[in-house]
Amino acid sequence: MVTAQAVASRVTDPELPMLTLADLGVLREVSEEDGKVVVAITPTYSGCPAMDTMRDDLVHALRAAGYAEVEVRTVLRPAWSSDWITEDGRRKLAEAGISPPGAAPRRSVPVPLTLGPPARRVRCPRCGSAETERLSEFGATACKALHRCRACREPFEHVKEI
């Protein structure tokens, strides 16, 4: 029998299907407790609408692999960070035409108020140019923003730094 960890690590994200939940850093832990597989996942955003699908996909994959009892737990602390996306995951995003996130901002308390565009330039995943502009803070999902490259003129999504 394939290990529960191996099975869970192959489940893909419903919103970014080029990534596994492990690539995305959402899959936190897989263990066996009292004959039951327990999987811990963390949402990228509080209230992420994909969580139910992730949970269902994990349960289905594990049961199909022969694990009769499966429990998926949501872990909120520590909160997910885009820094948890693996290097392989970042490569897969870029290959799919989605700009991967840079380093997540380090928050201080109190959070400083910034007016104007972000200091970091997002690179175009198609041509590599840093001459890009943000068209919308939100793309197809809350964790992505819509950008356009000024060099090749192509629109693209960017996974936000969180």
N, C-alpha and C. Protein backbone atom coordinates (compact mmCIF):
# COMPACT_ATOMS: atom_id res chain seq x y z
N MET A 1 0.85 -1.18 0.00
CA MET A 1 0.00 0.00 0.00
C MET A 1 0.90 1.24 0.00
N VAL A 2 0.52 2.22 -0.81
CA VAL A 2 1.23 3.50 -0.87
C VAL A 2 0.97 4.24 0.45
N THR A 3 1.99 4.92 0.96
CA THR A 3 1.80 5.63 2.23
C THR A 3 0.75 6.73 2.10
N ALA A 4 0.09 7.02 3.19
CA ALA A 4 -0.91 8.08 3.21
C ALA A 4 -0.27 9.42 2.84
N GLN A 5 0.95 9.63 3.31
CA GLN A 5 1.68 10.88 2.97
C GLN A 5 1.87 11.00 1.46
N ALA A 6 2.27 9.91 0.82
CA ALA A 6 2.49 9.92 -0.63
C ALA A 6 1.19 10.20 -1.38
N VAL A 7 0.10 9.59 -0.94
CA VAL A 7 -1.19 9.80 -1.59
C VAL A 7 -1.63 11.26 -1.43
N ALA A 8 -1.59 11.77 -0.22
CA ALA A 8 -2.02 13.15 0.04
C ALA A 8 -1.14 14.15 -0.70
N SER A 9 0.13 13.84 -0.83
CA SER A 9 1.07 14.75 -1.49
C SER A 9 0.83 14.88 -2.99
N ARG A 10 0.06 13.96 -3.57
CA ARG A 10 -0.24 14.01 -5.01
C ARG A 10 -1.55 14.73 -5.33
N VAL A 11 -2.34 15.08 -4.32
CA VAL A 11 -3.62 15.76 -4.55
C VAL A 11 -3.35 17.18 -5.03
N THR A 12 -4.03 17.57 -6.11
CA THR A 12 -3.78 18.89 -6.69
C THR A 12 -4.72 19.95 -6.13
N ASP A 13 -4.30 21.18 -6.23
CA ASP A 13 -5.10 22.31 -5.79
C ASP A 13 -6.22 22.55 -6.81
N PRO A 14 -7.46 22.74 -6.38
CA PRO A 14 -8.55 22.93 -7.33
C PRO A 14 -8.49 24.24 -8.11
N GLU A 15 -7.84 25.25 -7.57
CA GLU A 15 -7.75 26.54 -8.26
C GLU A 15 -6.46 26.70 -9.05
N LEU A 16 -5.42 25.99 -8.67
CA LEU A 16 -4.13 26.01 -9.36
C LEU A 16 -3.74 24.55 -9.64
N PRO A 17 -4.40 23.90 -10.59
CA PRO A 17 -4.23 22.45 -10.77
C PRO A 17 -2.84 22.00 -11.21
N MET A 18 -1.97 22.94 -11.54
CA MET A 18 -0.59 22.56 -11.86
C MET A 18 0.21 22.30 -10.59
N LEU A 19 -0.37 22.65 -9.43
CA LEU A 19 0.30 22.48 -8.14
C LEU A 19 -0.39 21.41 -7.31
N THR A 20 0.40 20.67 -6.56
CA THR A 20 -0.19 19.79 -5.55
C THR A 20 -0.39 20.64 -4.29
N LEU A 21 -1.18 20.11 -3.37
CA LEU A 21 -1.37 20.81 -2.10
C LEU A 21 -0.04 20.91 -1.35
N ALA A 22 0.85 19.93 -1.58
CA ALA A 22 2.18 19.98 -0.97
C ALA A 22 3.01 21.09 -1.61
N ASP A 23 2.96 21.23 -2.95
CA ASP A 23 3.68 22.32 -3.64
C ASP A 23 3.24 23.67 -3.10
N LEU A 24 1.94 23.81 -2.88
CA LEU A 24 1.37 25.07 -2.43
C LEU A 24 1.66 25.36 -0.96
N GLY A 25 2.06 24.34 -0.21
CA GLY A 25 2.33 24.52 1.20
C GLY A 25 1.09 24.46 2.06
N VAL A 26 -0.03 24.05 1.48
CA VAL A 26 -1.30 23.94 2.20
C VAL A 26 -1.34 22.64 3.01
N LEU A 27 -0.72 21.59 2.48
CA LEU A 27 -0.68 20.29 3.17
C LEU A 27 0.33 20.39 4.29
N ARG A 28 -0.13 20.34 5.53
CA ARG A 28 0.74 20.56 6.67
C ARG A 28 1.27 19.27 7.28
N GLU A 29 0.37 18.27 7.42
CA GLU A 29 0.79 17.06 8.11
C GLU A 29 -0.14 15.92 7.73
N VAL A 30 0.44 14.73 7.63
CA VAL A 30 -0.34 13.51 7.42
C VAL A 30 0.15 12.50 8.45
N SER A 31 -0.78 11.98 9.26
CA SER A 31 -0.40 11.01 10.29
C SER A 31 -1.49 9.96 10.41
N GLU A 32 -1.17 8.92 11.16
CA GLU A 32 -2.17 7.89 11.45
C GLU A 32 -2.38 7.86 12.95
N GLU A 33 -3.66 7.97 13.35
CA GLU A 33 -4.03 7.95 14.76
C GLU A 33 -5.16 6.94 14.95
N ASP A 34 -4.91 5.92 15.74
CA ASP A 34 -5.93 4.91 16.05
C ASP A 34 -6.55 4.30 14.78
N GLY A 35 -5.70 3.98 13.78
CA GLY A 35 -6.18 3.36 12.56
C GLY A 35 -6.84 4.31 11.58
N LYS A 36 -6.77 5.59 11.85
CA LYS A 36 -7.39 6.60 10.99
C LYS A 36 -6.29 7.52 10.46
N VAL A 37 -6.40 7.89 9.19
CA VAL A 37 -5.47 8.87 8.61
C VAL A 37 -5.99 10.26 8.95
N VAL A 38 -5.12 11.08 9.51
CA VAL A 38 -5.47 12.45 9.86
C VAL A 38 -4.58 13.38 9.03
N VAL A 39 -5.24 14.26 8.28
CA VAL A 39 -4.54 15.20 7.41
C VAL A 39 -4.82 16.60 7.92
N ALA A 40 -3.77 17.40 8.02
CA ALA A 40 -3.92 18.80 8.43
C ALA A 40 -3.61 19.69 7.23
N ILE A 41 -4.53 20.62 6.94
CA ILE A 41 -4.33 21.58 5.86
C ILE A 41 -4.59 22.99 6.39
N THR A 42 -3.96 23.97 5.75
CA THR A 42 -4.11 25.37 6.11
C THR A 42 -4.57 26.15 4.89
N PRO A 43 -5.64 26.93 5.00
CA PRO A 43 -6.10 27.71 3.84
C PRO A 43 -5.13 28.84 3.52
N THR A 44 -5.06 29.19 2.24
CA THR A 44 -4.24 30.33 1.84
C THR A 44 -4.86 31.63 2.33
N TYR A 45 -6.17 31.66 2.42
CA TYR A 45 -6.92 32.81 2.93
C TYR A 45 -7.98 32.31 3.89
N SER A 46 -8.31 33.08 4.88
CA SER A 46 -9.43 32.76 5.75
C SER A 46 -10.70 32.78 4.89
N GLY A 47 -11.47 31.73 4.98
CA GLY A 47 -12.68 31.64 4.17
C GLY A 47 -12.45 31.21 2.74
N CYS A 48 -11.30 30.64 2.44
CA CYS A 48 -10.97 30.19 1.08
C CYS A 48 -12.04 29.22 0.59
N PRO A 49 -12.70 29.52 -0.54
CA PRO A 49 -13.78 28.66 -1.02
C PRO A 49 -13.30 27.30 -1.53
N ALA A 50 -12.02 27.14 -1.75
CA ALA A 50 -11.49 25.87 -2.26
C ALA A 50 -11.28 24.84 -1.15
N MET A 51 -11.39 25.24 0.11
CA MET A 51 -11.11 24.31 1.21
C MET A 51 -12.01 23.08 1.19
N ASP A 52 -13.28 23.24 0.91
CA ASP A 52 -14.18 22.07 0.88
C ASP A 52 -13.75 21.10 -0.22
N THR A 53 -13.38 21.63 -1.37
CA THR A 53 -12.93 20.77 -2.47
C THR A 53 -11.62 20.09 -2.12
N MET A 54 -10.69 20.81 -1.51
CA MET A 54 -9.43 20.20 -1.08
C MET A 54 -9.71 19.04 -0.12
N ARG A 55 -10.56 19.29 0.85
CA ARG A 55 -10.91 18.27 1.85
C ARG A 55 -11.53 17.05 1.15
N ASP A 56 -12.50 17.27 0.27
CA ASP A 56 -13.15 16.18 -0.44
C ASP A 56 -12.15 15.41 -1.30
N ASP A 57 -11.27 16.12 -1.99
CA ASP A 57 -10.27 15.46 -2.85
C ASP A 57 -9.30 14.61 -2.04
N LEU A 58 -8.89 15.12 -0.88
CA LEU A 58 -8.00 14.34 -0.01
C LEU A 58 -8.69 13.07 0.49
N VAL A 59 -9.92 13.21 0.96
CA VAL A 59 -10.66 12.05 1.46
C VAL A 59 -10.84 11.02 0.35
N HIS A 60 -11.24 11.48 -0.83
CA HIS A 60 -11.46 10.57 -1.97
C HIS A 60 -10.17 9.84 -2.35
N ALA A 61 -9.07 10.57 -2.47
CA ALA A 61 -7.80 9.96 -2.87
C ALA A 61 -7.33 8.94 -1.84
N LEU A 62 -7.44 9.27 -0.57
CA LEU A 62 -6.98 8.36 0.47
C LEU A 62 -7.87 7.12 0.57
N ARG A 63 -9.16 7.30 0.44
CA ARG A 63 -10.07 6.12 0.47
C ARG A 63 -9.83 5.24 -0.75
N ALA A 64 -9.61 5.85 -1.91
CA ALA A 64 -9.33 5.08 -3.13
C ALA A 64 -8.03 4.29 -3.00
N ALA A 65 -7.11 4.80 -2.18
CA ALA A 65 -5.82 4.12 -1.96
C ALA A 65 -5.92 3.05 -0.86
N GLY A 66 -7.12 2.88 -0.28
CA GLY A 66 -7.31 1.82 0.70
C GLY A 66 -7.38 2.26 2.15
N TYR A 67 -7.39 3.54 2.40
CA TYR A 67 -7.50 4.05 3.76
C TYR A 67 -8.98 4.30 4.05
N ALA A 68 -9.57 3.47 4.90
CA ALA A 68 -11.01 3.52 5.13
C ALA A 68 -11.44 4.73 5.95
N GLU A 69 -10.68 5.07 6.98
CA GLU A 69 -11.03 6.20 7.84
C GLU A 69 -10.08 7.36 7.60
N VAL A 70 -10.66 8.49 7.22
CA VAL A 70 -9.87 9.69 6.92
C VAL A 70 -10.52 10.88 7.58
N GLU A 71 -9.72 11.68 8.25
CA GLU A 71 -10.18 12.94 8.83
C GLU A 71 -9.28 14.05 8.34
N VAL A 72 -9.88 15.13 7.85
CA VAL A 72 -9.10 16.29 7.41
C VAL A 72 -9.38 17.43 8.38
N ARG A 73 -8.32 17.94 8.97
CA ARG A 73 -8.44 19.03 9.95
C ARG A 73 -7.90 20.32 9.33
N THR A 74 -8.55 21.41 9.66
CA THR A 74 -8.09 22.72 9.23
C THR A 74 -7.26 23.33 10.34
N VAL A 75 -6.04 23.72 10.01
CA VAL A 75 -5.11 24.33 10.97
C VAL A 75 -4.93 25.79 10.55
N LEU A 76 -5.24 26.70 11.48
CA LEU A 76 -5.17 28.13 11.16
C LEU A 76 -3.92 28.82 11.68
N ARG A 77 -3.20 28.17 12.60
CA ARG A 77 -1.99 28.78 13.17
C ARG A 77 -0.81 27.85 13.00
N PRO A 78 0.30 28.33 12.51
CA PRO A 78 0.47 29.67 11.97
C PRO A 78 -0.29 29.82 10.66
N ALA A 79 -0.63 31.06 10.36
CA ALA A 79 -1.33 31.34 9.11
C ALA A 79 -0.43 31.00 7.93
N TRP A 80 -1.05 30.58 6.84
CA TRP A 80 -0.32 30.23 5.62
C TRP A 80 0.43 31.45 5.11
N SER A 81 1.57 31.20 4.53
CA SER A 81 2.38 32.25 3.91
C SER A 81 2.77 31.80 2.51
N SER A 82 2.82 32.73 1.58
CA SER A 82 3.27 32.39 0.22
C SER A 82 4.71 31.89 0.23
N ASP A 83 5.44 32.13 1.30
CA ASP A 83 6.80 31.59 1.43
C ASP A 83 6.78 30.06 1.50
N TRP A 84 5.63 29.47 1.82
CA TRP A 84 5.52 28.02 1.94
C TRP A 84 5.42 27.32 0.59
N ILE A 85 5.22 28.07 -0.49
CA ILE A 85 5.19 27.46 -1.82
C ILE A 85 6.59 26.95 -2.12
N THR A 86 6.69 25.69 -2.52
CA THR A 86 8.01 25.09 -2.78
C THR A 86 8.64 25.68 -4.03
N GLU A 87 9.95 25.49 -4.17
CA GLU A 87 10.64 25.94 -5.39
C GLU A 87 10.06 25.26 -6.62
N ASP A 88 9.74 23.96 -6.49
CA ASP A 88 9.12 23.23 -7.59
C ASP A 88 7.76 23.84 -7.92
N GLY A 89 7.01 24.21 -6.89
CA GLY A 89 5.72 24.87 -7.10
C GLY A 89 5.86 26.20 -7.81
N ARG A 90 6.87 26.97 -7.45
CA ARG A 90 7.12 28.27 -8.10
C ARG A 90 7.47 28.07 -9.58
N ARG A 91 8.26 27.05 -9.85
CA ARG A 91 8.63 26.73 -11.24
C ARG A 91 7.38 26.35 -12.03
N LYS A 92 6.52 25.51 -11.44
CA LYS A 92 5.30 25.07 -12.12
C LYS A 92 4.37 26.25 -12.40
N LEU A 93 4.27 27.19 -11.46
CA LEU A 93 3.45 28.38 -11.69
C LEU A 93 3.96 29.16 -12.90
N ALA A 94 5.26 29.43 -12.92
CA ALA A 94 5.85 30.20 -14.02
C ALA A 94 5.66 29.47 -15.35
N GLU A 95 5.83 28.15 -15.35
CA GLU A 95 5.64 27.38 -16.59
C GLU A 95 4.20 27.46 -17.08
N ALA A 96 3.25 27.66 -16.16
CA ALA A 96 1.84 27.77 -16.51
C ALA A 96 1.43 29.21 -16.84
N GLY A 97 2.40 30.13 -16.84
CA GLY A 97 2.11 31.53 -17.18
C GLY A 97 1.60 32.35 -16.02
N ILE A 98 1.80 31.86 -14.79
CA ILE A 98 1.39 32.60 -13.59
C ILE A 98 2.64 33.04 -12.85
N SER A 99 2.74 34.32 -12.57
CA SER A 99 3.91 34.85 -11.88
C SER A 99 3.92 34.38 -10.43
N PRO A 100 4.99 33.67 -10.02
CA PRO A 100 5.04 33.22 -8.63
C PRO A 100 5.34 34.38 -7.69
N PRO A 101 4.98 34.23 -6.42
CA PRO A 101 5.21 35.32 -5.47
C PRO A 101 6.69 35.47 -5.13
N GLY A 102 7.05 36.68 -4.74
CA GLY A 102 8.36 36.91 -4.17
C GLY A 102 8.28 36.60 -2.68
N ALA A 103 9.24 37.08 -1.94
CA ALA A 103 9.25 36.87 -0.50
C ALA A 103 8.06 37.60 0.13
N ALA A 104 7.42 36.94 1.09
CA ALA A 104 6.29 37.56 1.79
C ALA A 104 6.79 38.75 2.59
N PRO A 105 5.98 39.79 2.69
CA PRO A 105 6.41 40.95 3.48
C PRO A 105 6.51 40.59 4.96
N ARG A 106 7.47 41.16 5.60
CA ARG A 106 7.63 40.98 7.05
C ARG A 106 6.82 42.06 7.71
N ARG A 107 5.87 41.65 8.50
CA ARG A 107 4.96 42.60 9.14
C ARG A 107 5.53 43.10 10.45
N SER A 108 5.36 44.38 10.66
CA SER A 108 5.73 44.96 11.94
C SER A 108 4.44 45.46 12.59
N VAL A 109 4.50 45.68 13.86
CA VAL A 109 3.34 46.19 14.57
C VAL A 109 3.73 47.54 15.16
N PRO A 110 3.06 48.58 14.87
CA PRO A 110 1.88 48.65 14.02
C PRO A 110 2.26 48.52 12.54
N VAL A 111 1.29 48.12 11.71
CA VAL A 111 1.52 47.97 10.28
C VAL A 111 1.62 49.36 9.67
N PRO A 112 2.73 49.64 8.96
CA PRO A 112 2.87 50.98 8.38
C PRO A 112 1.89 51.19 7.23
N LEU A 113 1.37 52.40 7.11
CA LEU A 113 0.48 52.76 6.02
C LEU A 113 1.33 53.15 4.82
N THR A 114 1.07 52.51 3.69
CA THR A 114 1.81 52.86 2.47
C THR A 114 0.81 53.32 1.43
N LEU A 115 1.12 54.41 0.79
CA LEU A 115 0.29 54.95 -0.28
C LEU A 115 1.09 54.85 -1.57
N GLY A 116 0.45 54.38 -2.60
CA GLY A 116 1.14 54.26 -3.88
C GLY A 116 1.40 52.82 -4.23
N PRO A 117 2.07 52.62 -5.36
CA PRO A 117 2.29 51.26 -5.86
C PRO A 117 3.29 50.50 -4.99
N PRO A 118 3.19 49.16 -5.00
CA PRO A 118 4.14 48.37 -4.21
C PRO A 118 5.56 48.57 -4.74
N ALA A 119 6.53 48.46 -3.85
CA ALA A 119 7.93 48.67 -4.22
C ALA A 119 8.44 47.56 -5.14
N ARG A 120 7.95 46.37 -4.98
CA ARG A 120 8.44 45.22 -5.75
C ARG A 120 7.82 45.19 -7.14
N ARG A 121 8.66 44.96 -8.13
CA ARG A 121 8.19 44.79 -9.50
C ARG A 121 7.92 43.31 -9.74
N VAL A 122 6.78 43.02 -10.33
CA VAL A 122 6.41 41.66 -10.68
C VAL A 122 6.93 41.37 -12.07
N ARG A 123 7.65 40.26 -12.23
CA ARG A 123 8.19 39.88 -13.55
C ARG A 123 7.16 39.13 -14.37
N CYS A 124 7.16 39.41 -15.65
CA CYS A 124 6.27 38.71 -16.57
C CYS A 124 6.73 37.26 -16.69
N PRO A 125 5.83 36.29 -16.49
CA PRO A 125 6.24 34.89 -16.60
C PRO A 125 6.46 34.45 -18.04
N ARG A 126 6.05 35.27 -19.01
CA ARG A 126 6.22 34.91 -20.42
C ARG A 126 7.54 35.40 -20.99
N CYS A 127 7.85 36.69 -20.79
CA CYS A 127 9.08 37.24 -21.39
C CYS A 127 10.14 37.62 -20.37
N GLY A 128 9.78 37.64 -19.07
CA GLY A 128 10.75 37.94 -18.02
C GLY A 128 10.91 39.42 -17.71
N SER A 129 10.23 40.28 -18.42
CA SER A 129 10.36 41.72 -18.19
C SER A 129 9.81 42.11 -16.82
N ALA A 130 10.49 43.10 -16.20
CA ALA A 130 10.00 43.66 -14.94
C ALA A 130 9.12 44.88 -15.20
N GLU A 131 8.94 45.23 -16.45
CA GLU A 131 8.10 46.36 -16.82
C GLU A 131 6.65 45.88 -16.92
N THR A 132 6.03 45.78 -15.76
CA THR A 132 4.66 45.29 -15.69
C THR A 132 3.81 46.27 -14.90
N GLU A 133 2.51 46.13 -15.05
CA GLU A 133 1.59 46.97 -14.29
C GLU A 133 0.46 46.11 -13.74
N ARG A 134 0.00 46.46 -12.55
CA ARG A 134 -1.12 45.75 -11.95
C ARG A 134 -2.41 46.35 -12.49
N LEU A 135 -3.26 45.49 -13.04
CA LEU A 135 -4.55 45.94 -13.56
C LEU A 135 -5.65 45.84 -12.51
N SER A 136 -5.55 44.81 -11.67
CA SER A 136 -6.56 44.61 -10.63
C SER A 136 -5.91 43.88 -9.46
N GLU A 137 -6.26 44.29 -8.26
CA GLU A 137 -5.75 43.64 -7.05
C GLU A 137 -6.22 42.20 -6.95
N PHE A 138 -7.34 41.88 -7.63
CA PHE A 138 -7.89 40.52 -7.58
C PHE A 138 -8.00 39.94 -8.97
N GLY A 139 -7.54 38.68 -9.10
CA GLY A 139 -7.67 37.95 -10.34
C GLY A 139 -8.82 36.97 -10.24
N ALA A 140 -8.64 35.80 -10.82
CA ALA A 140 -9.69 34.79 -10.81
C ALA A 140 -9.97 34.29 -9.39
N THR A 141 -8.98 34.38 -8.52
CA THR A 141 -9.15 34.00 -7.12
C THR A 141 -8.57 35.11 -6.25
N ALA A 142 -8.95 35.12 -4.98
CA ALA A 142 -8.50 36.19 -4.06
C ALA A 142 -6.99 36.18 -3.86
N CYS A 143 -6.34 35.05 -4.07
CA CYS A 143 -4.90 34.97 -3.82
C CYS A 143 -4.06 35.41 -5.02
N LYS A 144 -4.72 35.83 -6.10
CA LYS A 144 -3.99 36.28 -7.28
C LYS A 144 -4.42 37.68 -7.68
N ALA A 145 -3.50 38.43 -8.29
CA ALA A 145 -3.78 39.75 -8.84
C ALA A 145 -3.58 39.68 -10.35
N LEU A 146 -4.24 40.56 -11.08
CA LEU A 146 -4.12 40.59 -12.54
C LEU A 146 -3.13 41.68 -12.95
N HIS A 147 -2.16 41.29 -13.75
CA HIS A 147 -1.12 42.20 -14.24
C HIS A 147 -1.05 42.16 -15.75
N ARG A 148 -0.31 43.13 -16.32
CA ARG A 148 -0.04 43.13 -17.75
C ARG A 148 1.42 43.54 -17.95
N CYS A 149 2.05 42.88 -18.89
CA CYS A 149 3.44 43.19 -19.22
C CYS A 149 3.45 44.35 -20.21
N ARG A 150 4.26 45.35 -19.93
CA ARG A 150 4.38 46.48 -20.85
C ARG A 150 5.28 46.14 -22.04
N ALA A 151 6.13 45.12 -21.90
CA ALA A 151 7.03 44.74 -22.98
C ALA A 151 6.32 43.87 -24.03
N CYS A 152 5.73 42.76 -23.59
CA CYS A 152 5.08 41.84 -24.55
C CYS A 152 3.58 42.06 -24.62
N ARG A 153 3.04 42.94 -23.75
CA ARG A 153 1.64 43.33 -23.72
C ARG A 153 0.68 42.22 -23.29
N GLU A 154 1.21 41.12 -22.80
CA GLU A 154 0.37 39.99 -22.39
C GLU A 154 -0.13 40.17 -20.95
N PRO A 155 -1.40 39.87 -20.71
CA PRO A 155 -1.89 39.85 -19.34
C PRO A 155 -1.45 38.56 -18.65
N PHE A 156 -1.33 38.62 -17.33
CA PHE A 156 -0.99 37.41 -16.58
C PHE A 156 -1.44 37.59 -15.13
N GLU A 157 -1.58 36.46 -14.44
CA GLU A 157 -1.92 36.51 -13.02
C GLU A 157 -0.64 36.38 -12.20
N HIS A 158 -0.69 36.94 -11.02
CA HIS A 158 0.44 36.92 -10.10
C HIS A 158 -0.08 36.43 -8.74
N VAL A 159 0.57 35.42 -8.18
CA VAL A 159 0.20 34.96 -6.85
C VAL A 159 0.76 35.98 -5.85
N LYS A 160 -0.13 36.51 -5.01
CA LYS A 160 0.24 37.59 -4.10
C LYS A 160 1.18 37.09 -2.99
N GLU A 161 2.01 38.00 -2.54
CA GLU A 161 2.88 37.72 -1.40
C GLU A 161 2.06 37.94 -0.14
N ILE A 162 1.97 36.92 0.66
CA ILE A 162 1.19 37.00 1.90
C ILE A 162 2.07 36.55 3.05
